[in-house]
Amino acid sequence: MVKIKELKGANMDIDLISENIGWDQTNCPWNEAENTKEHRCAVKDTSICKYFCGIKYLDSVLCSYPYENLDVLSKD
């Protein structure tokens, strides 16, 4: 069973690596694992991360890292 994490503080930009913001924001676990800041949960009109599982009220991204969300991948 895949455990879904709630990444807090997305503020619907859904990138989770914003600099100098005024709220708490969970770091992207994929970025942390690879020691980078390149991964984004979603980019409007461009892409959705393979670990992205949705959004939960208030501004939390649902993430399945390190298990790919096969539902998201099948829509490409």
PDB file of N, CA and C in Angstrom:
ATOM      1  N   MET A   1       0.839  -1.193   0.000  1.00  0.00           N
ATOM      2  CA  MET A   1       0.000   0.000   0.000  1.00  0.00           C
ATOM      3  C   MET A   1       0.882   1.254   0.000  1.00  0.00           C
ATOM      4  N   VAL A   2       0.580   2.182  -0.878  1.00  0.00           N
ATOM      5  CA  VAL A   2       1.336   3.424  -1.002  1.00  0.00           C
ATOM      6  C   VAL A   2       0.853   4.407   0.048  1.00  0.00           C
ATOM      7  N   LYS A   3       1.785   4.990   0.787  1.00  0.00           N
ATOM      8  CA  LYS A   3       1.439   5.990   1.785  1.00  0.00           C
ATOM      9  C   LYS A   3       1.470   7.374   1.136  1.00  0.00           C
ATOM     10  N   ILE A   4       0.384   8.104   1.276  1.00  0.00           N
ATOM     11  CA  ILE A   4       0.282   9.448   0.723  1.00  0.00           C
ATOM     12  C   ILE A   4       0.691  10.447   1.796  1.00  0.00           C
ATOM     13  N   LYS A   5       1.611  11.355   1.445  1.00  0.00           N
ATOM     14  CA  LYS A   5       2.066  12.404   2.359  1.00  0.00           C
ATOM     15  C   LYS A   5       1.317  13.695   2.051  1.00  0.00           C
ATOM     16  N   GLU A   6       1.084  14.507   3.076  1.00  0.00           N
ATOM     17  CA  GLU A   6       0.527  15.840   2.889  1.00  0.00           C
ATOM     18  C   GLU A   6       1.661  16.842   3.001  1.00  0.00           C
ATOM     19  N   LEU A   7       1.945  17.538   1.908  1.00  0.00           N
ATOM     20  CA  LEU A   7       2.979  18.567   1.885  1.00  0.00           C
ATOM     21  C   LEU A   7       2.292  19.904   2.102  1.00  0.00           C
ATOM     22  N   LYS A   8       2.526  20.514   3.214  1.00  0.00           N
ATOM     23  CA  LYS A   8       1.814  21.727   3.617  1.00  0.00           C
ATOM     24  C   LYS A   8       2.394  22.984   2.972  1.00  0.00           C
ATOM     25  N   GLY A   9       1.523  23.972   2.762  1.00  0.00           N
ATOM     26  CA  GLY A   9       1.946  25.294   2.335  1.00  0.00           C
ATOM     27  C   GLY A   9       2.095  25.484   0.847  1.00  0.00           C
ATOM     28  N   ALA A  10       1.364  24.747   0.047  1.00  0.00           N
ATOM     29  CA  ALA A  10       1.516  24.861  -1.398  1.00  0.00           C
ATOM     30  C   ALA A  10       1.029  26.207  -1.932  1.00  0.00           C
ATOM     31  N   ASN A  11       0.041  26.801  -1.294  1.00  0.00           N
ATOM     32  CA  ASN A  11      -0.544  28.073  -1.701  1.00  0.00           C
ATOM     33  C   ASN A  11      -0.958  28.080  -3.167  1.00  0.00           C
ATOM     34  N   MET A  12      -1.238  26.925  -3.705  1.00  0.00           N
ATOM     35  CA  MET A  12      -1.742  26.703  -5.053  1.00  0.00           C
ATOM     36  C   MET A  12      -0.820  27.153  -6.169  1.00  0.00           C
ATOM     37  N   ASP A  13       0.373  27.617  -5.877  1.00  0.00           N
ATOM     38  CA  ASP A  13       1.410  27.729  -6.903  1.00  0.00           C
ATOM     39  C   ASP A  13       1.905  26.324  -7.184  1.00  0.00           C
ATOM     40  N   ILE A  14       1.785  25.480  -6.195  1.00  0.00           N
ATOM     41  CA  ILE A  14       2.096  24.058  -6.206  1.00  0.00           C
ATOM     42  C   ILE A  14       3.537  23.768  -6.610  1.00  0.00           C
ATOM     43  N   ASP A  15       4.475  24.589  -6.197  1.00  0.00           N
ATOM     44  CA  ASP A  15       5.855  24.264  -6.532  1.00  0.00           C
ATOM     45  C   ASP A  15       6.663  23.823  -5.320  1.00  0.00           C
ATOM     46  N   LEU A  16       6.270  24.218  -4.134  1.00  0.00           N
ATOM     47  CA  LEU A  16       6.886  23.791  -2.877  1.00  0.00           C
ATOM     48  C   LEU A  16       8.389  24.049  -2.772  1.00  0.00           C
ATOM     49  N   ILE A  17       8.895  25.025  -3.474  1.00  0.00           N
ATOM     50  CA  ILE A  17      10.288  25.430  -3.267  1.00  0.00           C
ATOM     51  C   ILE A  17      10.414  26.953  -3.310  1.00  0.00           C
ATOM     52  N   SER A  18       9.343  27.637  -3.011  1.00  0.00           N
ATOM     53  CA  SER A  18       9.352  29.095  -3.033  1.00  0.00           C
ATOM     54  C   SER A  18      10.362  29.644  -2.034  1.00  0.00           C
ATOM     55  N   GLU A  19      10.970  30.735  -2.394  1.00  0.00           N
ATOM     56  CA  GLU A  19      11.929  31.411  -1.519  1.00  0.00           C
ATOM     57  C   GLU A  19      11.249  32.605  -0.842  1.00  0.00           C
ATOM     58  N   ASN A  20      11.634  32.889   0.386  1.00  0.00           N
ATOM     59  CA  ASN A  20      11.174  34.071   1.116  1.00  0.00           C
ATOM     60  C   ASN A  20       9.655  34.210   1.158  1.00  0.00           C
ATOM     61  N   ILE A  21       8.968  33.166   1.568  1.00  0.00           N
ATOM     62  CA  ILE A  21       7.516  33.210   1.692  1.00  0.00           C
ATOM     63  C   ILE A  21       7.126  33.452   3.146  1.00  0.00           C
ATOM     64  N   GLY A  22       5.898  33.875   3.360  1.00  0.00           N
ATOM     65  CA  GLY A  22       5.446  34.215   4.695  1.00  0.00           C
ATOM     66  C   GLY A  22       4.688  33.113   5.405  1.00  0.00           C
ATOM     67  N   TRP A  23       4.804  31.872   4.950  1.00  0.00           N
ATOM     68  CA  TRP A  23       4.101  30.758   5.587  1.00  0.00           C
ATOM     69  C   TRP A  23       5.002  29.528   5.589  1.00  0.00           C
ATOM     70  N   ASP A  24       4.662  28.578   6.471  1.00  0.00           N
ATOM     71  CA  ASP A  24       5.423  27.326   6.516  1.00  0.00           C
ATOM     72  C   ASP A  24       5.133  26.505   5.270  1.00  0.00           C
ATOM     73  N   GLN A  25       6.179  25.900   4.749  1.00  0.00           N
ATOM     74  CA  GLN A  25       6.032  25.098   3.545  1.00  0.00           C
ATOM     75  C   GLN A  25       6.880  23.840   3.680  1.00  0.00           C
ATOM     76  N   THR A  26       6.272  22.687   3.466  1.00  0.00           N
ATOM     77  CA  THR A  26       6.986  21.418   3.500  1.00  0.00           C
ATOM     78  C   THR A  26       7.884  21.323   2.273  1.00  0.00           C
ATOM     79  N   ASN A  27       9.095  20.820   2.448  1.00  0.00           N
ATOM     80  CA  ASN A  27       9.984  20.613   1.308  1.00  0.00           C
ATOM     81  C   ASN A  27       9.519  19.417   0.494  1.00  0.00           C
ATOM     82  N   CYS A  28       9.766  19.468  -0.795  1.00  0.00           N
ATOM     83  CA  CYS A  28       9.452  18.360  -1.686  1.00  0.00           C
ATOM     84  C   CYS A  28      10.369  17.183  -1.338  1.00  0.00           C
ATOM     85  N   PRO A  29       9.809  16.007  -1.040  1.00  0.00           N
ATOM     86  CA  PRO A  29      10.653  14.872  -0.665  1.00  0.00           C
ATOM     87  C   PRO A  29      11.551  14.385  -1.812  1.00  0.00           C
ATOM     88  N   TRP A  30      11.122  14.549  -3.051  1.00  0.00           N
ATOM     89  CA  TRP A  30      11.941  14.160  -4.201  1.00  0.00           C
ATOM     90  C   TRP A  30      13.140  15.096  -4.312  1.00  0.00           C
ATOM     91  N   ASN A  31      12.916  16.407  -4.135  1.00  0.00           N
ATOM     92  CA  ASN A  31      14.030  17.360  -4.141  1.00  0.00           C
ATOM     93  C   ASN A  31      15.009  17.059  -3.011  1.00  0.00           C
ATOM     94  N   GLU A  32      14.483  16.755  -1.840  1.00  0.00           N
ATOM     95  CA  GLU A  32      15.357  16.439  -0.706  1.00  0.00           C
ATOM     96  C   GLU A  32      16.188  15.193  -0.976  1.00  0.00           C
ATOM     97  N   ALA A  33      15.583  14.162  -1.561  1.00  0.00           N
ATOM     98  CA  ALA A  33      16.294  12.913  -1.842  1.00  0.00           C
ATOM     99  C   ALA A  33      17.423  13.127  -2.850  1.00  0.00           C
ATOM    100  N   GLU A  34      17.206  14.041  -3.800  1.00  0.00           N
ATOM    101  CA  GLU A  34      18.207  14.297  -4.833  1.00  0.00           C
ATOM    102  C   GLU A  34      19.024  15.560  -4.582  1.00  0.00           C
ATOM    103  N   ASN A  35      18.785  16.210  -3.430  1.00  0.00           N
ATOM    104  CA  ASN A  35      19.494  17.437  -3.063  1.00  0.00           C
ATOM    105  C   ASN A  35      19.455  18.467  -4.197  1.00  0.00           C
ATOM    106  N   THR A  36      18.229  18.781  -4.634  1.00  0.00           N
ATOM    107  CA  THR A  36      18.025  19.720  -5.725  1.00  0.00           C
ATOM    108  C   THR A  36      16.796  20.568  -5.432  1.00  0.00           C
ATOM    109  N   LYS A  37      16.509  21.513  -6.311  1.00  0.00           N
ATOM    110  CA  LYS A  37      15.284  22.305  -6.230  1.00  0.00           C
ATOM    111  C   LYS A  37      14.568  22.308  -7.570  1.00  0.00           C
ATOM    112  N   GLU A  38      14.841  21.325  -8.414  1.00  0.00           N
ATOM    113  CA  GLU A  38      14.302  21.331  -9.772  1.00  0.00           C
ATOM    114  C   GLU A  38      12.901  20.760  -9.902  1.00  0.00           C
ATOM    115  N   HIS A  39      12.477  19.873  -9.006  1.00  0.00           N
ATOM    116  CA  HIS A  39      11.181  19.216  -9.150  1.00  0.00           C
ATOM    117  C   HIS A  39      10.041  20.095  -8.664  1.00  0.00           C
ATOM    118  N   ARG A  40       8.924  20.072  -9.397  1.00  0.00           N
ATOM    119  CA  ARG A  40       7.718  20.813  -9.052  1.00  0.00           C
ATOM    120  C   ARG A  40       6.553  19.840  -9.014  1.00  0.00           C
ATOM    121  N   CYS A  41       5.605  20.069  -8.114  1.00  0.00           N
ATOM    122  CA  CYS A  41       4.419  19.217  -8.041  1.00  0.00           C
ATOM    123  C   CYS A  41       3.556  19.392  -9.283  1.00  0.00           C
ATOM    124  N   ALA A  42       3.366  20.623  -9.690  1.00  0.00           N
ATOM    125  CA  ALA A  42       2.585  20.909 -10.889  1.00  0.00           C
ATOM    126  C   ALA A  42       2.990  22.268 -11.429  1.00  0.00           C
ATOM    127  N   VAL A  43       2.956  22.380 -12.740  1.00  0.00           N
ATOM    128  CA  VAL A  43       3.226  23.645 -13.404  1.00  0.00           C
ATOM    129  C   VAL A  43       2.046  23.878 -14.334  1.00  0.00           C
ATOM    130  N   LYS A  44       1.354  24.980 -14.129  1.00  0.00           N
ATOM    131  CA  LYS A  44       0.127  25.257 -14.879  1.00  0.00           C
ATOM    132  C   LYS A  44       0.336  25.117 -16.385  1.00  0.00           C
ATOM    133  N   ASP A  45      -0.552  24.374 -17.008  1.00  0.00           N
ATOM    134  CA  ASP A  45      -0.555  24.142 -18.452  1.00  0.00           C
ATOM    135  C   ASP A  45       0.710  23.459 -18.972  1.00  0.00           C
ATOM    136  N   THR A  46       1.514  22.868 -18.088  1.00  0.00           N
ATOM    137  CA  THR A  46       2.766  22.257 -18.531  1.00  0.00           C
ATOM    138  C   THR A  46       2.897  20.810 -18.095  1.00  0.00           C
ATOM    139  N   SER A  47       2.877  20.559 -16.768  1.00  0.00           N
ATOM    140  CA  SER A  47       3.146  19.199 -16.301  1.00  0.00           C
ATOM    141  C   SER A  47       2.598  18.961 -14.904  1.00  0.00           C
ATOM    142  N   ILE A  48       2.508  17.692 -14.564  1.00  0.00           N
ATOM    143  CA  ILE A  48       2.168  17.262 -13.213  1.00  0.00           C
ATOM    144  C   ILE A  48       3.204  16.219 -12.813  1.00  0.00           C
ATOM    145  N   CYS A  49       3.744  16.360 -11.625  1.00  0.00           N
ATOM    146  CA  CYS A  49       4.753  15.440 -11.103  1.00  0.00           C
ATOM    147  C   CYS A  49       4.210  14.013 -11.063  1.00  0.00           C
ATOM    148  N   LYS A  50       5.076  13.048 -11.305  1.00  0.00           N
ATOM    149  CA  LYS A  50       4.642  11.650 -11.290  1.00  0.00           C
ATOM    150  C   LYS A  50       4.270  11.152  -9.898  1.00  0.00           C
ATOM    151  N   TYR A  51       4.530  11.944  -8.861  1.00  0.00           N
ATOM    152  CA  TYR A  51       4.159  11.583  -7.493  1.00  0.00           C
ATOM    153  C   TYR A  51       2.961  12.387  -6.983  1.00  0.00           C
ATOM    154  N   PHE A  52       2.471  13.336  -7.774  1.00  0.00           N
ATOM    155  CA  PHE A  52       1.359  14.208  -7.397  1.00  0.00           C
ATOM    156  C   PHE A  52       0.063  13.408  -7.334  1.00  0.00           C
ATOM    157  N   CYS A  53      -0.658  13.530  -6.208  1.00  0.00           N
ATOM    158  CA  CYS A  53      -1.900  12.774  -6.019  1.00  0.00           C
ATOM    159  C   CYS A  53      -3.103  13.671  -5.755  1.00  0.00           C
ATOM    160  N   GLY A  54      -2.925  14.987  -5.837  1.00  0.00           N
ATOM    161  CA  GLY A  54      -4.051  15.887  -5.642  1.00  0.00           C
ATOM    162  C   GLY A  54      -3.759  16.963  -4.624  1.00  0.00           C
ATOM    163  N   ILE A  55      -4.839  17.663  -4.255  1.00  0.00           N
ATOM    164  CA  ILE A  55      -4.742  18.770  -3.319  1.00  0.00           C
ATOM    165  C   ILE A  55      -5.792  18.570  -2.238  1.00  0.00           C
ATOM    166  N   LYS A  56      -5.408  18.893  -1.021  1.00  0.00           N
ATOM    167  CA  LYS A  56      -6.324  18.791   0.110  1.00  0.00           C
ATOM    168  C   LYS A  56      -6.482  20.177   0.724  1.00  0.00           C
ATOM    169  N   TYR A  57      -7.679  20.501   1.130  1.00  0.00           N
ATOM    170  CA  TYR A  57      -7.969  21.772   1.798  1.00  0.00           C
ATOM    171  C   TYR A  57      -7.169  21.851   3.081  1.00  0.00           C
ATOM    172  N   LEU A  58      -6.630  22.839   3.396  1.00  0.00           N
ATOM    173  CA  LEU A  58      -6.183  24.107   2.904  1.00  0.00           C
ATOM    174  C   LEU A  58      -4.763  23.972   2.360  1.00  0.00           C
ATOM    175  N   ASP A  59      -4.601  24.131   1.110  1.00  0.00           N
ATOM    176  CA  ASP A  59      -3.287  24.257   0.470  1.00  0.00           C
ATOM    177  C   ASP A  59      -2.273  23.153   0.765  1.00  0.00           C
ATOM    178  N   SER A  60      -2.701  21.931   0.879  1.00  0.00           N
ATOM    179  CA  SER A  60      -1.762  20.818   1.032  1.00  0.00           C
ATOM    180  C   SER A  60      -1.755  19.987  -0.247  1.00  0.00           C
ATOM    181  N   VAL A  61      -0.553  19.657  -0.702  1.00  0.00           N
ATOM    182  CA  VAL A  61      -0.400  18.787  -1.863  1.00  0.00           C
ATOM    183  C   VAL A  61      -0.295  17.355  -1.355  1.00  0.00           C
ATOM    184  N   LEU A  62      -0.977  16.431  -2.010  1.00  0.00           N
ATOM    185  CA  LEU A  62      -0.892  15.015  -1.675  1.00  0.00           C
ATOM    186  C   LEU A  62       0.176  14.393  -2.571  1.00  0.00           C
ATOM    187  N   CYS A  63       1.132  13.715  -1.949  1.00  0.00           N
ATOM    188  CA  CYS A  63       2.322  13.223  -2.646  1.00  0.00           C
ATOM    189  C   CYS A  63       2.574  11.762  -2.285  1.00  0.00           C
ATOM    190  N   SER A  64       2.870  10.953  -3.293  1.00  0.00           N
ATOM    191  CA  SER A  64       3.118   9.532  -3.057  1.00  0.00           C
ATOM    192  C   SER A  64       4.600   9.161  -3.115  1.00  0.00           C
ATOM    193  N   TYR A  65       5.500  10.167  -3.148  1.00  0.00           N
ATOM    194  CA  TYR A  65       6.932   9.876  -3.250  1.00  0.00           C
ATOM    195  C   TYR A  65       7.358   8.875  -2.178  1.00  0.00           C
ATOM    196  N   PRO A  66       8.098   7.858  -2.506  1.00  0.00           N
ATOM    197  CA  PRO A  66       8.813   7.541  -3.744  1.00  0.00           C
ATOM    198  C   PRO A  66       8.049   6.607  -4.685  1.00  0.00           C
ATOM    199  N   TYR A  67       6.755   6.460  -4.513  1.00  0.00           N
ATOM    200  CA  TYR A  67       5.950   5.574  -5.356  1.00  0.00           C
ATOM    201  C   TYR A  67       5.187   6.393  -6.380  1.00  0.00           C
ATOM    202  N   GLU A  68       5.403   6.117  -7.660  1.00  0.00           N
ATOM    203  CA  GLU A  68       4.760   6.871  -8.716  1.00  0.00           C
ATOM    204  C   GLU A  68       3.248   6.709  -8.670  1.00  0.00           C
ATOM    205  N   ASN A  69       2.542   7.806  -8.961  1.00  0.00           N
ATOM    206  CA  ASN A  69       1.087   7.791  -9.054  1.00  0.00           C
ATOM    207  C   ASN A  69       0.747   7.318 -10.464  1.00  0.00           C
ATOM    208  N   LEU A  70       0.393   6.087 -10.622  1.00  0.00           N
ATOM    209  CA  LEU A  70       0.140   5.511 -11.939  1.00  0.00           C
ATOM    210  C   LEU A  70      -1.057   6.155 -12.628  1.00  0.00           C
ATOM    211  N   ASP A  71      -2.008   6.686 -11.870  1.00  0.00           N
ATOM    212  CA  ASP A  71      -3.152   7.354 -12.444  1.00  0.00           C
ATOM    213  C   ASP A  71      -2.712   8.615 -13.191  1.00  0.00           C
ATOM    214  N   VAL A  72      -1.800   9.396 -12.617  1.00  0.00           N
ATOM    215  CA  VAL A  72      -1.288  10.601 -13.270  1.00  0.00           C
ATOM    216  C   VAL A  72      -0.509  10.220 -14.522  1.00  0.00           C
ATOM    217  N   LEU A  73       0.319   9.201 -14.438  1.00  0.00           N
ATOM    218  CA  LEU A  73       1.156   8.801 -15.568  1.00  0.00           C
ATOM    219  C   LEU A  73       0.331   8.304 -16.742  1.00  0.00           C
ATOM    220  N   SER A  74      -0.803   7.681 -16.491  1.00  0.00           N
ATOM    221  CA  SER A  74      -1.614   7.130 -17.575  1.00  0.00           C
ATOM    222  C   SER A  74      -2.343   8.196 -18.379  1.00  0.00           C
ATOM    223  N   LYS A  75      -2.360   9.444 -17.903  1.00  0.00           N
ATOM    224  CA  LYS A  75      -3.071  10.523 -18.598  1.00  0.00           C
ATOM    225  C   LYS A  75      -2.194  11.236 -19.601  1.00  0.00           C
ATOM    226  N   ASP A  76      -0.928  10.918 -19.687  1.00  0.00           N
ATOM    227  CA  ASP A  76      -0.026  11.577 -20.650  1.00  0.00           C
ATOM    228  C   ASP A  76      -0.221  11.060 -22.056  1.00  0.00           C
TER     229      ASP A  76
END
